[in-house]
Structures are given as C-alpha cells and as structure tokens.
Protein backbone atom coordinates (compact mmCIF):
# COMPACT_ATOMS: atom_id res chain seq x y z
CA MET A 1 94.91 83.82 73.59
CA SER A 2 92.82 85.72 76.09
CA LEU A 3 89.53 87.41 75.35
CA PHE A 4 90.48 90.60 77.20
CA THR A 5 93.69 92.51 77.48
CA LYS A 6 94.90 93.06 81.05
CA LYS A 7 93.40 96.57 81.13
CA ASP A 8 90.07 95.30 79.76
CA SER A 9 89.94 92.48 82.30
CA PHE A 10 90.30 95.01 85.18
CA ALA A 11 87.52 97.12 83.68
CA HIS A 12 85.38 94.00 83.31
CA GLU A 13 86.06 92.93 86.92
CA THR A 14 85.32 96.44 88.24
CA HIS A 15 82.07 96.60 86.30
CA LYS A 16 81.10 93.13 87.56
CA ALA A 17 81.80 94.12 91.19
CA GLU A 18 79.79 97.33 90.89
CA LYS A 19 76.76 95.56 89.38
CA GLU A 20 76.75 92.75 91.98
CA VAL A 21 73.98 93.07 94.57
CA ILE A 22 75.13 93.10 98.21
CA SER A 23 74.15 89.71 99.59
CA SER A 24 75.56 90.03 103.12
CA ILE A 25 75.79 92.92 105.57
CA ILE A 26 77.48 92.99 108.94
CA ASP A 27 75.57 95.66 110.86
CA ILE A 28 77.26 98.57 112.63
CA LYS A 29 76.34 97.08 116.05
CA MET A 30 77.86 93.67 115.24
CA VAL A 31 81.29 92.40 116.30
CA ILE A 32 82.41 89.14 114.72
CA LYS A 33 85.45 87.27 116.02
CA GLY A 34 86.81 84.46 113.85
CA GLU A 35 87.26 83.44 110.22
CA LEU A 36 84.75 84.78 107.70
CA SER A 37 84.19 83.40 104.20
CA PHE A 38 81.57 84.53 101.69
CA GLU A 39 80.47 84.45 98.05
CA GLY A 40 79.11 87.38 96.09
CA LYS A 41 79.27 90.88 97.54
CA ALA A 42 79.45 91.68 101.26
CA ARG A 43 79.49 94.94 103.19
CA ILE A 44 80.91 95.39 106.67
CA ASP A 45 79.48 98.24 108.73
CA GLY A 46 80.53 96.72 112.08
CA THR A 47 83.76 95.11 113.30
CA VAL A 48 85.39 91.86 112.21
CA GLU A 49 88.34 90.48 114.17
CA GLY A 50 89.68 87.66 112.05
CA ASN A 51 90.66 86.73 108.52
CA ILE A 52 88.22 87.18 105.64
CA SER A 53 88.07 85.50 102.23
CA GLY A 54 85.55 85.97 99.46
CA GLU A 55 84.69 87.84 96.30
CA HIS A 56 83.66 91.51 96.49
CA LEU A 57 84.07 93.24 99.86
CA ILE A 58 83.08 96.76 100.91
CA LEU A 59 84.24 98.16 104.25
CA SER A 60 82.02 101.15 105.08
CA GLU A 61 83.12 104.28 106.97
CA SER A 62 81.84 102.79 110.24
CA GLY A 63 83.47 99.41 109.54
CA LYS A 64 86.67 98.00 110.97
CA ILE A 65 88.63 94.86 110.10
CA ILE A 66 91.44 93.50 112.26
CA GLY A 67 92.88 90.61 110.29
CA ASP A 68 93.96 89.63 106.80
CA ILE A 69 91.70 89.60 103.77
CA GLN A 70 91.90 87.74 100.49
CA VAL A 71 89.19 88.79 98.04
CA THR A 72 88.62 89.53 94.36
CA SER A 73 87.87 93.21 94.96
CA PHE A 74 88.06 95.41 98.05
CA VAL A 75 86.65 98.91 98.50
CA CYS A 76 87.76 100.49 101.77
CA HIS A 77 86.03 103.45 103.40
CA GLY A 78 86.77 102.40 107.02
CA ILE A 79 89.67 101.12 109.11
CA MET A 80 91.67 98.09 107.98
CA GLU A 81 94.42 96.64 110.18
CA GLY A 82 95.97 93.69 108.40
CA ASN A 83 97.19 92.44 105.05
CA ILE A 84 95.19 92.65 101.84
CA LYS A 85 95.42 90.38 98.79
CA ALA A 86 92.98 91.38 96.07
CA ASN A 87 92.87 91.82 92.31
CA LEU A 88 91.31 95.28 92.73
CA VAL A 89 91.77 97.56 95.75
CA THR A 90 90.15 100.97 96.10
CA ALA A 91 91.16 103.15 99.06
CA ARG A 92 88.54 105.87 99.51
CA LYS A 93 89.30 109.27 101.06
CA SER A 94 87.91 108.32 104.49
CA CYS A 95 89.84 105.05 104.89
CA GLN A 96 92.83 104.08 107.02
CA ILE A 97 94.76 100.98 105.92
CA HIS A 98 97.60 99.66 108.10
CA GLY A 99 99.35 96.64 106.56
CA ARG A 100 100.61 95.09 103.35
CA ILE A 101 98.59 95.52 100.16
CA GLU A 102 99.15 93.09 97.27
CA SER A 103 97.05 93.90 94.24
CA ASN A 104 96.98 93.95 90.46
CA SER A 105 95.16 97.29 90.49
CA LEU A 106 95.26 99.91 93.25
CA THR A 107 93.27 103.15 93.31
CA VAL A 108 93.91 105.65 96.11
CA GLU A 109 91.74 108.74 96.55
CA PRO A 110 93.29 111.93 97.95
CA GLY A 111 92.89 111.87 101.73
CA ALA A 112 93.13 108.07 102.11
CA GLY A 113 95.56 106.94 104.80
CA LEU A 114 97.96 104.13 103.90
CA SER A 115 100.62 102.81 106.23
CA GLY A 116 102.60 99.70 105.33
CA GLU A 117 103.93 98.00 102.24
CA LEU A 118 102.49 98.11 98.72
CA LYS A 119 103.00 95.52 96.03
CA VAL A 120 101.12 96.33 92.85
CA ALA A 121 101.82 93.80 90.11
CA SER A 122 102.17 95.12 86.59
CA ARG A 123 103.71 93.58 83.53
CA GLU A 124 104.78 97.02 82.38
CA LEU A 125 106.77 97.63 85.58
CA HIS A 126 110.49 96.90 85.18
CA LEU A 127 112.61 97.11 88.29
CA VAL A 128 116.19 98.27 87.85
CA ASN A 129 118.79 97.52 90.50
CA LYS A 130 121.10 100.22 91.84
CA ASP A 131 124.29 98.66 90.38
CA SER A 132 122.98 98.73 86.81
CA ILE A 133 122.05 102.42 87.19
CA ASN A 134 125.55 103.27 88.43
CA SER A 135 127.27 101.27 85.66
CA THR A 136 125.03 102.87 83.03
CA SER A 137 125.83 106.33 84.34
CA ALA A 138 129.58 105.57 84.34
CA SER A 139 129.52 104.20 80.79
CA GLU A 140 127.50 107.21 79.59
CA LYS A 141 130.07 109.57 81.18
CA THR A 142 132.94 107.63 79.53
CA ALA A 143 131.22 107.73 76.14
CA LYS A 144 130.58 111.48 76.43
CA GLY A 145 134.01 112.20 77.96
C-alpha cells in the first residue's frame, strides 16, 4: 500500500521541486556540447546541444536545448528541440517545445507552443478503439429500432 495516492504524489513531487535550491546554472553566454547529467535542481539560461539527465530542470526564456532530456521534473520557458521524459512537465507561455513528450503530469499554459507527440500516462485514461465504438453504435441502434 502506498503512502500517497497518485494525485498526492504529484503534489508532493511538485512541492519538492519548487522548494529545491538551484545548484547548477548554465549562463546565458555558455554553449555546452555533449551529454549532461546532474543531481538536484539545475537551470539553463544558455544553450545545451546534447542529451540531459537529472532531477529538476528549468529551461529559462533565454535557454535552448537541442537533444533529449530525461528528468524528474521539467519546467520550460525557452526553446526545446528533442524528446522529453519526465514525471512532471510544465510548459510556460513563452516556451516552444518541438518533439515527443512522455509524462505522468503535463501542464500547458495558454500561449505555450507544442509541436510533436504527447503521451501523458494516466490510470484513469481508457482508450477505446474505433471498431468497438462502431459496434456499440450499431447495437444501440438495433436495440432502439
């Protein structure tokens, strides 16, 4: 048995990410090419060309990432070109994300630009295939007819 429900665990993770002190900053004048891995909370004001893995990542309005990221939480204000895997993703109004987003929780502010594929996992989400919809509609028409 878990201590938190799924909704509570997201709230707990969000609160934890917000309280975490930024331990690493990539300055606006910096360009990093290659793999980047970190612990704690990091903020990117410059440009990273390469894949990133870590815990809590903030991409500022001046920041740009060209590559894939795999983090616990991601807050995007800047430009992201690549795939995202994160438990929590927040797309702020100034951001542009081009790529696949896989997340358990996705928040998109009005004005955020998203281009690509979204996969938001939810236990409450039940996908229904097209054939079952058509057969249900036909059987409902027969029953009413």
